[in-house]
Amino acid sequence: MLKRLNKCSGGVTLIEIMASIAVLCVAVVGTGGYRYYSALDAKKASMQITAARAGLLLCENWRGLSGSESYDPTKHLSSDMKITSLSGSAAVAYASAKSFRLLGGYKIEINDADYYAVLMWNDVSPGLRALTVVVGCMAGGKEITTIADTSQLQLFELTTYACTG
């Protein structure tokens, strides 16, 4: 008597191989996107931390000089970072909206990145002055020459008080 042997295929078909390759490609692309956006978010966070620290440095340095109306960070901090004065109507409008007097607008270069600062002050009471520093960093890395276009800036506002008398 002849027995028939059942042939069981133990291999995989071409369709199964193509489906597994497609799943693997989706996983690799997803992982690559995750890494890219993680690195981008880490860079943005680093820039925001640097902007906040620069604002704190300006605020505390200005307060250390008793909130002087003639304070110029280009003279007091230029050895630590590159600071240049800027002009712009948006800085004046921002200060006016908050009932503050504008001291000036500045571009600060730290670690090959540009940050923009506006310094304002207001006498709260005799002998007490509010000092406000608003620092912004560019979200897209573009450079601006005036403070007129602040729509792309991530802003940080710090206020401290100084005794003037």
Protein backbone atom coordinates (compact mmCIF):
# COMPACT_ATOMS: atom_id res chain seq x y z
CA MET A 1 0.00 0.00 0.00
CA LEU A 2 1.18 3.43 -0.91
CA LYS A 3 0.85 6.18 1.60
CA ARG A 4 0.43 9.70 0.46
CA LEU A 5 2.59 12.22 2.26
CA ASN A 6 1.00 15.54 3.05
CA LYS A 7 3.20 18.37 2.00
CA CYS A 8 3.12 21.10 4.63
CA SER A 9 4.79 24.24 3.52
CA GLY A 10 6.89 25.63 6.32
CA GLY A 11 8.01 28.77 4.46
CA VAL A 12 6.44 32.19 4.06
CA THR A 13 4.85 33.66 1.01
CA LEU A 14 5.91 36.79 -0.83
CA ILE A 15 2.82 38.62 0.41
CA GLU A 16 3.70 37.93 4.04
CA ILE A 17 7.26 39.19 3.48
CA MET A 18 5.98 42.39 1.85
CA ALA A 19 3.51 42.99 4.71
CA SER A 20 6.25 42.57 7.32
CA ILE A 21 8.53 44.96 5.40
CA ALA A 22 5.73 47.54 5.28
CA VAL A 23 5.15 47.27 9.04
CA LEU A 24 8.90 47.58 9.67
CA CYS A 25 9.12 50.68 7.43
CA VAL A 26 6.28 52.38 9.31
CA ALA A 27 8.01 51.65 12.63
CA VAL A 28 11.37 53.02 11.40
CA VAL A 29 9.81 56.20 10.00
CA GLY A 30 7.89 56.75 13.24
CA THR A 31 11.02 56.29 15.33
CA GLY A 32 12.96 58.71 13.12
CA GLY A 33 10.24 61.34 13.45
CA TYR A 34 10.15 60.90 17.20
CA ARG A 35 13.92 61.41 17.44
CA TYR A 36 13.79 64.50 15.21
CA TYR A 37 11.01 66.21 17.15
CA SER A 38 12.57 65.27 20.48
CA ALA A 39 15.85 66.93 19.48
CA LEU A 40 13.99 69.97 18.15
CA ASP A 41 12.00 70.35 21.38
CA ALA A 42 15.17 69.97 23.45
CA LYS A 43 16.82 72.78 21.47
CA LYS A 44 13.75 75.03 21.92
CA ALA A 45 13.73 74.33 25.66
CA SER A 46 17.42 75.16 25.90
CA MET A 47 16.85 78.46 24.08
CA GLN A 48 13.94 79.32 26.38
CA ILE A 49 16.00 78.58 29.48
CA THR A 50 18.84 80.75 28.14
CA ALA A 51 16.37 83.57 27.41
CA ALA A 52 14.96 83.39 30.93
CA ARG A 53 18.47 83.41 32.43
CA ALA A 54 19.51 86.37 30.26
CA GLY A 55 16.41 88.24 31.44
CA LEU A 56 17.22 87.46 35.05
CA LEU A 57 20.80 88.63 34.56
CA LEU A 58 19.63 91.93 33.04
CA CYS A 59 17.02 92.41 35.74
CA GLU A 60 19.37 91.75 38.65
CA ASN A 61 22.21 93.81 37.13
CA TRP A 62 19.89 96.76 36.64
CA ARG A 63 18.50 96.36 40.16
CA GLY A 64 22.07 96.30 41.51
CA LEU A 65 22.47 99.80 40.09
CA SER A 66 19.33 100.94 41.96
CA GLY A 67 17.22 100.98 38.80
CA SER A 68 19.18 103.82 37.25
CA GLU A 69 17.45 105.61 34.37
CA SER A 70 20.81 105.73 32.58
CA TYR A 71 21.47 101.98 32.85
CA ASP A 72 23.02 100.63 29.66
CA PRO A 73 23.57 96.87 29.47
CA THR A 74 25.90 97.33 26.48
CA LYS A 75 28.37 98.99 28.87
CA HIS A 76 27.78 96.85 31.95
CA LEU A 77 27.46 93.36 30.43
CA SER A 78 29.28 93.55 27.11
CA SER A 79 32.27 91.64 28.48
CA ASP A 80 30.05 88.62 29.24
CA MET A 81 27.88 88.59 26.10
CA LYS A 82 27.48 90.51 22.88
CA ILE A 83 24.75 93.12 23.34
CA THR A 84 23.70 95.74 20.78
CA SER A 85 21.00 98.41 20.95
CA LEU A 86 17.91 98.13 18.78
CA SER A 87 15.18 100.53 17.80
CA GLY A 88 11.56 99.69 17.20
CA SER A 89 8.09 101.09 17.64
CA ALA A 90 6.75 97.82 19.08
CA ALA A 91 8.97 98.23 22.14
CA VAL A 92 7.54 101.71 22.73
CA ALA A 93 3.99 100.44 22.24
CA TYR A 94 4.60 97.50 24.60
CA ALA A 95 5.99 99.80 27.30
CA SER A 96 3.15 102.34 26.84
CA ALA A 97 0.48 99.65 27.11
CA LYS A 98 1.88 98.63 30.48
CA SER A 99 2.26 102.28 31.70
CA PHE A 100 6.03 101.87 31.83
CA ARG A 101 8.80 104.09 30.53
CA LEU A 102 11.03 102.50 27.94
CA LEU A 103 14.73 102.29 28.75
CA GLY A 104 15.68 100.55 25.50
CA GLY A 105 15.62 97.50 23.27
CA TYR A 106 18.62 95.20 22.85
CA LYS A 107 19.80 92.25 20.82
CA ILE A 108 21.79 89.70 22.82
CA GLU A 109 23.91 86.99 21.22
CA ILE A 110 24.54 83.90 23.35
CA ASN A 111 25.80 80.55 22.03
CA ASP A 112 25.27 81.58 18.40
CA ALA A 113 21.60 82.38 19.04
CA ASP A 114 19.88 85.76 19.08
CA TYR A 115 17.69 86.98 21.92
CA TYR A 116 15.83 90.28 22.10
CA ALA A 117 15.26 92.28 25.29
CA VAL A 118 13.17 95.31 26.19
CA LEU A 119 13.92 97.13 29.45
CA MET A 120 11.20 99.28 31.05
CA TRP A 121 10.71 101.00 34.37
CA ASN A 122 7.98 102.72 36.37
CA ASP A 123 8.04 104.58 39.68
CA VAL A 124 5.54 102.76 41.87
CA SER A 125 5.88 105.09 44.83
CA PRO A 126 8.47 107.60 46.01
CA GLY A 127 11.72 105.70 46.41
CA LEU A 128 10.42 102.47 44.82
CA ARG A 129 10.85 101.65 41.16
CA ALA A 130 9.51 98.64 39.24
CA LEU A 131 12.02 97.30 36.71
CA THR A 132 10.69 95.05 33.97
CA VAL A 133 12.72 93.08 31.47
CA VAL A 134 11.02 91.27 28.60
CA VAL A 135 13.26 88.80 26.75
CA GLY A 136 12.27 86.94 23.62
CA CYS A 137 13.88 84.19 21.62
CA MET A 138 13.07 83.35 18.04
CA ALA A 139 11.07 80.19 17.59
CA GLY A 140 12.14 79.65 13.98
CA GLY A 141 15.72 80.86 14.29
CA LYS A 142 15.15 83.89 12.03
CA GLU A 143 16.97 87.13 12.73
CA ILE A 144 15.24 90.48 13.15
CA THR A 145 16.84 93.92 13.12
CA THR A 146 14.12 95.82 14.99
CA ILE A 147 11.70 94.95 17.73
CA ALA A 148 8.80 95.77 15.39
CA ASP A 149 7.87 92.14 14.68
CA THR A 150 7.45 90.29 17.96
CA SER A 151 4.88 87.79 16.68
CA GLN A 152 7.54 85.07 16.25
CA LEU A 153 9.11 85.60 19.68
CA GLN A 154 8.61 83.42 22.75
CA LEU A 155 8.48 86.14 25.45
CA PHE A 156 9.56 86.00 29.09
CA GLU A 157 8.71 88.92 31.34
CA LEU A 158 10.50 89.52 34.64
CA THR A 159 9.78 92.31 37.10
CA THR A 160 11.75 93.31 40.16
CA TYR A 161 11.76 96.34 42.41
CA ALA A 162 14.60 98.67 43.35
CA CYS A 163 14.92 101.34 45.99
CA THR A 164 15.86 104.60 44.31
CA GLY A 165 16.25 106.89 47.27
